[in-house]
PDB file of N, CA and C in Angstrom:
ATOM      1  N   MET A   1       6.648  -8.897  -2.973  1.00  0.00           N
ATOM      2  CA  MET A   1       5.919  -7.859  -2.160  1.00  0.00           C
ATOM      3  C   MET A   1       5.383  -6.949  -3.214  1.00  0.00           C
ATOM      4  N   LEU A   2       5.819  -6.674  -4.312  1.00  0.00           N
ATOM      5  CA  LEU A   2       5.392  -5.854  -5.356  1.00  0.00           C
ATOM      6  C   LEU A   2       3.942  -6.545  -5.811  1.00  0.00           C
ATOM      7  N   TYR A   3       3.817  -7.803  -6.020  1.00  0.00           N
ATOM      8  CA  TYR A   3       2.670  -8.531  -6.235  1.00  0.00           C
ATOM      9  C   TYR A   3       1.722  -8.210  -5.521  1.00  0.00           C
ATOM     10  N   TYR A   4       1.827  -8.111  -4.000  1.00  0.00           N
ATOM     11  CA  TYR A   4       0.871  -7.861  -3.087  1.00  0.00           C
ATOM     12  C   TYR A   4       0.436  -6.346  -3.264  1.00  0.00           C
ATOM     13  N   ALA A   5       1.296  -5.512  -3.543  1.00  0.00           N
ATOM     14  CA  ALA A   5       0.946  -4.008  -3.489  1.00  0.00           C
ATOM     15  C   ALA A   5      -0.005  -3.911  -5.010  1.00  0.00           C
ATOM     16  N   LEU A   6       0.180  -4.646  -5.876  1.00  0.00           N
ATOM     17  CA  LEU A   6      -0.574  -4.513  -7.242  1.00  0.00           C
ATOM     18  C   LEU A   6      -1.840  -5.346  -6.816  1.00  0.00           C
ATOM     19  N   VAL A   7      -1.804  -6.451  -6.137  1.00  0.00           N
ATOM     20  CA  VAL A   7      -3.183  -7.077  -5.725  1.00  0.00           C
ATOM     21  C   VAL A   7      -4.209  -6.086  -4.934  1.00  0.00           C
ATOM     22  N   PHE A   8      -3.433  -5.547  -3.892  1.00  0.00           N
ATOM     23  CA  PHE A   8      -4.219  -4.435  -3.172  1.00  0.00           C
ATOM     24  C   PHE A   8      -4.851  -3.318  -4.066  1.00  0.00           C
ATOM     25  N   LEU A   9      -3.907  -2.905  -4.898  1.00  0.00           N
ATOM     26  CA  LEU A   9      -4.326  -1.807  -5.622  1.00  0.00           C
ATOM     27  C   LEU A   9      -5.677  -2.312  -6.532  1.00  0.00           C
ATOM     28  N   VAL A  10      -5.472  -3.540  -7.144  1.00  0.00           N
ATOM     29  CA  VAL A  10      -6.737  -3.921  -8.076  1.00  0.00           C
ATOM     30  C   VAL A  10      -8.007  -4.051  -6.983  1.00  0.00           C
ATOM     31  N   ILE A  11      -7.904  -4.458  -5.953  1.00  0.00           N
ATOM     32  CA  ILE A  11      -8.928  -4.569  -5.058  1.00  0.00           C
ATOM     33  C   ILE A  11      -9.374  -3.320  -4.628  1.00  0.00           C
ATOM     34  N   ALA A  12      -8.570  -2.377  -4.490  1.00  0.00           N
ATOM     35  CA  ALA A  12      -9.122  -0.808  -4.287  1.00  0.00           C
ATOM     36  C   ALA A  12      -9.807  -0.487  -5.305  1.00  0.00           C
ATOM     37  N   LEU A  13      -9.236  -0.639  -6.530  1.00  0.00           N
ATOM     38  CA  LEU A  13      -9.747   0.050  -7.724  1.00  0.00           C
ATOM     39  C   LEU A  13     -11.449  -0.749  -7.987  1.00  0.00           C
ATOM     40  N   ILE A  14     -11.389  -2.160  -7.744  1.00  0.00           N
ATOM     41  CA  ILE A  14     -12.594  -2.599  -7.872  1.00  0.00           C
ATOM     42  C   ILE A  14     -13.641  -2.177  -6.935  1.00  0.00           C
ATOM     43  N   ALA A  15     -13.226  -2.100  -5.640  1.00  0.00           N
ATOM     44  CA  ALA A  15     -14.158  -1.860  -4.573  1.00  0.00           C
ATOM     45  C   ALA A  15     -14.396  -0.328  -4.757  1.00  0.00           C
ATOM     46  N   GLY A  16     -13.684   0.696  -5.265  1.00  0.00           N
ATOM     47  CA  GLY A  16     -14.100   2.026  -5.532  1.00  0.00           C
ATOM     48  C   GLY A  16     -15.154   2.055  -6.565  1.00  0.00           C
ATOM     49  N   VAL A  17     -14.964   1.350  -7.487  1.00  0.00           N
ATOM     50  CA  VAL A  17     -15.903   1.287  -8.860  1.00  0.00           C
ATOM     51  C   VAL A  17     -17.233   0.876  -8.288  1.00  0.00           C
ATOM     52  N   LEU A  18     -17.340  -0.191  -7.172  1.00  0.00           N
ATOM     53  CA  LEU A  18     -18.487  -0.805  -6.797  1.00  0.00           C
ATOM     54  C   LEU A  18     -19.006   0.055  -5.684  1.00  0.00           C
ATOM     55  N   GLY A  19     -18.537   0.941  -5.193  1.00  0.00           N
ATOM     56  CA  GLY A  19     -18.901   1.879  -4.163  1.00  0.00           C
ATOM     57  C   GLY A  19     -18.666   1.628  -2.769  1.00  0.00           C
ATOM     58  N   PHE A  20     -17.602   0.757  -2.617  1.00  0.00           N
ATOM     59  CA  PHE A  20     -17.374   0.217  -1.183  1.00  0.00           C
ATOM     60  C   PHE A  20     -16.224   1.239  -0.699  1.00  0.00           C
ATOM     61  N   GLY A  21     -16.544   2.451  -0.142  1.00  0.00           N
ATOM     62  CA  GLY A  21     -15.444   3.477  -0.003  1.00  0.00           C
ATOM     63  C   GLY A  21     -14.584   2.972   1.195  1.00  0.00           C
ATOM     64  N   GLY A  22     -15.027   2.444   2.346  1.00  0.00           N
ATOM     65  CA  GLY A  22     -14.026   1.763   3.177  1.00  0.00           C
ATOM     66  C   GLY A  22     -13.152   0.746   2.891  1.00  0.00           C
ATOM     67  N   ILE A  23     -13.542  -0.153   2.068  1.00  0.00           N
ATOM     68  CA  ILE A  23     -12.718  -1.302   1.722  1.00  0.00           C
ATOM     69  C   ILE A  23     -11.873  -0.451   0.635  1.00  0.00           C
ATOM     70  N   ALA A  24     -12.184   0.206  -0.332  1.00  0.00           N
ATOM     71  CA  ALA A  24     -11.313   0.970  -1.159  1.00  0.00           C
ATOM     72  C   ALA A  24     -10.255   1.478  -0.570  1.00  0.00           C
ATOM     73  N   GLY A  25     -10.569   2.565   0.399  1.00  0.00           N
ATOM     74  CA  GLY A  25      -9.637   3.338   1.163  1.00  0.00           C
ATOM     75  C   GLY A  25      -8.630   2.479   1.778  1.00  0.00           C
ATOM     76  N   ALA A  26      -8.855   1.308   2.548  1.00  0.00           N
ATOM     77  CA  ALA A  26      -8.057   0.341   3.188  1.00  0.00           C
ATOM     78  C   ALA A  26      -7.092  -0.065   2.299  1.00  0.00           C
ATOM     79  N   SER A  27      -7.751  -0.764   1.143  1.00  0.00           N
ATOM     80  CA  SER A  27      -6.765  -1.417   0.324  1.00  0.00           C
ATOM     81  C   SER A  27      -5.722  -0.543  -0.417  1.00  0.00           C
ATOM     82  N   ALA A  28      -6.261   0.562  -0.757  1.00  0.00           N
ATOM     83  CA  ALA A  28      -5.374   1.443  -1.489  1.00  0.00           C
ATOM     84  C   ALA A  28      -4.368   1.925  -0.537  1.00  0.00           C
ATOM     85  N   GLY A  29      -4.464   2.091   0.836  1.00  0.00           N
ATOM     86  CA  GLY A  29      -3.652   2.437   1.748  1.00  0.00           C
ATOM     87  C   GLY A  29      -2.473   1.495   2.013  1.00  0.00           C
ATOM     88  N   ILE A  30      -2.945   0.234   1.924  1.00  0.00           N
ATOM     89  CA  ILE A  30      -2.178  -1.037   2.050  1.00  0.00           C
ATOM     90  C   ILE A  30      -1.233  -1.045   0.789  1.00  0.00           C
ATOM     91  N   ALA A  31      -1.860  -0.954  -0.262  1.00  0.00           N
ATOM     92  CA  ALA A  31      -1.060  -1.083  -1.678  1.00  0.00           C
ATOM     93  C   ALA A  31       0.134   0.108  -1.551  1.00  0.00           C
ATOM     94  N   GLN A  32      -0.239   1.339  -1.077  1.00  0.00           N
ATOM     95  CA  GLN A  32       0.588   2.434  -0.998  1.00  0.00           C
ATOM     96  C   GLN A  32       1.848   2.069  -0.127  1.00  0.00           C
ATOM     97  N   ILE A  33       1.434   1.683   1.095  1.00  0.00           N
ATOM     98  CA  ILE A  33       2.468   1.182   1.966  1.00  0.00           C
ATOM     99  C   ILE A  33       3.483   0.136   1.471  1.00  0.00           C
ATOM    100  N   LEU A  34       2.897  -0.822   0.849  1.00  0.00           N
ATOM    101  CA  LEU A  34       3.654  -1.943  -0.026  1.00  0.00           C
ATOM    102  C   LEU A  34       4.372  -1.660  -0.885  1.00  0.00           C
ATOM    103  N   PHE A  35       4.019  -0.553  -1.499  1.00  0.00           N
ATOM    104  CA  PHE A  35       4.858  -0.060  -2.706  1.00  0.00           C
ATOM    105  C   PHE A  35       6.083   0.762  -2.338  1.00  0.00           C
ATOM    106  N   PHE A  36       5.764   1.725  -1.255  1.00  0.00           N
ATOM    107  CA  PHE A  36       6.890   2.526  -0.586  1.00  0.00           C
ATOM    108  C   PHE A  36       7.909   1.541   0.044  1.00  0.00           C
ATOM    109  N   LEU A  37       7.408   0.219   0.608  1.00  0.00           N
ATOM    110  CA  LEU A  37       8.413  -0.621   1.213  1.00  0.00           C
ATOM    111  C   LEU A  37       9.207  -1.292   0.172  1.00  0.00           C
ATOM    112  N   PHE A  38       8.385  -1.616  -1.019  1.00  0.00           N
ATOM    113  CA  PHE A  38       9.309  -2.228  -2.046  1.00  0.00           C
ATOM    114  C   PHE A  38      10.226  -1.298  -2.595  1.00  0.00           C
ATOM    115  N   LEU A  39       9.907  -0.089  -2.818  1.00  0.00           N
ATOM    116  CA  LEU A  39      10.992   0.908  -3.334  1.00  0.00           C
ATOM    117  C   LEU A  39      12.062   1.145  -2.362  1.00  0.00           C
ATOM    118  N   ALA A  40      11.787   1.130  -1.139  1.00  0.00           N
ATOM    119  CA  ALA A  40      13.023   1.283  -0.315  1.00  0.00           C
ATOM    120  C   ALA A  40      13.862   0.053  -0.418  1.00  0.00           C
ATOM    121  N   PHE A  41      13.429  -1.091  -0.547  1.00  0.00           N
ATOM    122  CA  PHE A  41      14.230  -2.231  -0.652  1.00  0.00           C
ATOM    123  C   PHE A  41      14.906  -2.244  -1.752  1.00  0.00           C
ATOM    124  N   LEU A  42      14.304  -1.728  -2.909  1.00  0.00           N
ATOM    125  CA  LEU A  42      15.049  -1.717  -4.219  1.00  0.00           C
ATOM    126  C   LEU A  42      16.265  -0.557  -4.065  1.00  0.00           C
ATOM    127  N   ILE A  43      15.904   0.428  -3.445  1.00  0.00           N
ATOM    128  CA  ILE A  43      17.106   1.321  -3.178  1.00  0.00           C
ATOM    129  C   ILE A  43      18.213   0.820  -2.414  1.00  0.00           C
ATOM    130  N   ILE A  44      17.934   0.085  -1.293  1.00  0.00           N
ATOM    131  CA  ILE A  44      18.728  -0.481  -0.430  1.00  0.00           C
ATOM    132  C   ILE A  44      19.642  -1.488  -1.144  1.00  0.00           C
ATOM    133  N   SER A  45      18.952  -2.243  -2.138  1.00  0.00           N
ATOM    134  CA  SER A  45      19.688  -3.447  -2.904  1.00  0.00           C
ATOM    135  C   SER A  45      20.550  -2.821  -3.940  1.00  0.00           C
ATOM    136  N   LEU A  46      20.147  -1.621  -4.477  1.00  0.00           N
ATOM    137  CA  LEU A  46      21.034  -1.113  -5.430  1.00  0.00           C
ATOM    138  C   LEU A  46      22.238  -0.453  -4.842  1.00  0.00           C
ATOM    139  N   ILE A  47      22.024   0.223  -3.605  1.00  0.00           N
ATOM    140  CA  ILE A  47      23.348   0.692  -2.893  1.00  0.00           C
ATOM    141  C   ILE A  47      24.286  -0.344  -2.516  1.00  0.00           C
ATOM    142  N   ALA A  48      23.583  -1.467  -1.898  1.00  0.00           N
ATOM    143  CA  ALA A  48      24.439  -2.548  -1.621  1.00  0.00           C
ATOM    144  C   ALA A  48      25.289  -3.142  -2.661  1.00  0.00           C
ATOM    145  N   GLY A  49      24.617  -3.285  -3.965  1.00  0.00           N
ATOM    146  CA  GLY A  49      25.161  -3.699  -4.946  1.00  0.00           C
ATOM    147  C   GLY A  49      26.382  -2.991  -5.358  1.00  0.00           C
ATOM    148  N   VAL A  50      26.191  -1.551  -5.372  1.00  0.00           N
ATOM    149  CA  VAL A  50      27.394  -0.701  -5.789  1.00  0.00           C
ATOM    150  C   VAL A  50      28.389  -0.963  -4.875  1.00  0.00           C
ATOM    151  N   ILE A  51      28.191  -0.833  -3.588  1.00  0.00           N
ATOM    152  CA  ILE A  51      29.182  -0.790  -2.399  1.00  0.00           C
ATOM    153  C   ILE A  51      29.893  -2.440  -2.614  1.00  0.00           C
ATOM    154  N   LYS A  52      29.251  -3.480  -3.039  1.00  0.00           N
ATOM    155  CA  LYS A  52      29.925  -4.685  -3.113  1.00  0.00           C
ATOM    156  C   LYS A  52      30.833  -4.684  -4.263  1.00  0.00           C
ATOM    157  N   ARG A  53      30.381  -4.046  -5.397  1.00  0.00           N
ATOM    158  CA  ARG A  53      31.493  -3.928  -6.467  1.00  0.00           C
ATOM    159  C   ARG A  53      32.822  -3.155  -6.190  1.00  0.00           C
ATOM    160  N   ALA A  54      32.619  -2.136  -5.357  1.00  0.00           N
ATOM    161  CA  ALA A  54      33.530  -1.114  -5.170  1.00  0.00           C
ATOM    162  C   ALA A  54      34.509  -1.846  -4.331  1.00  0.00           C
TER     163      ALA A  54
END
């Protein structure tokens, strides 16, 4: 999932440089959503690991 966030971030950067504002905005939004989703899964996994060891 982090891979997809990075892919959409690169697409957004390339589209932004080339002047495609709508595509850049959409790709940046998708990348941001996927990044925070990945971050939430990371935190949940860390908490589950701590609970499992205890």
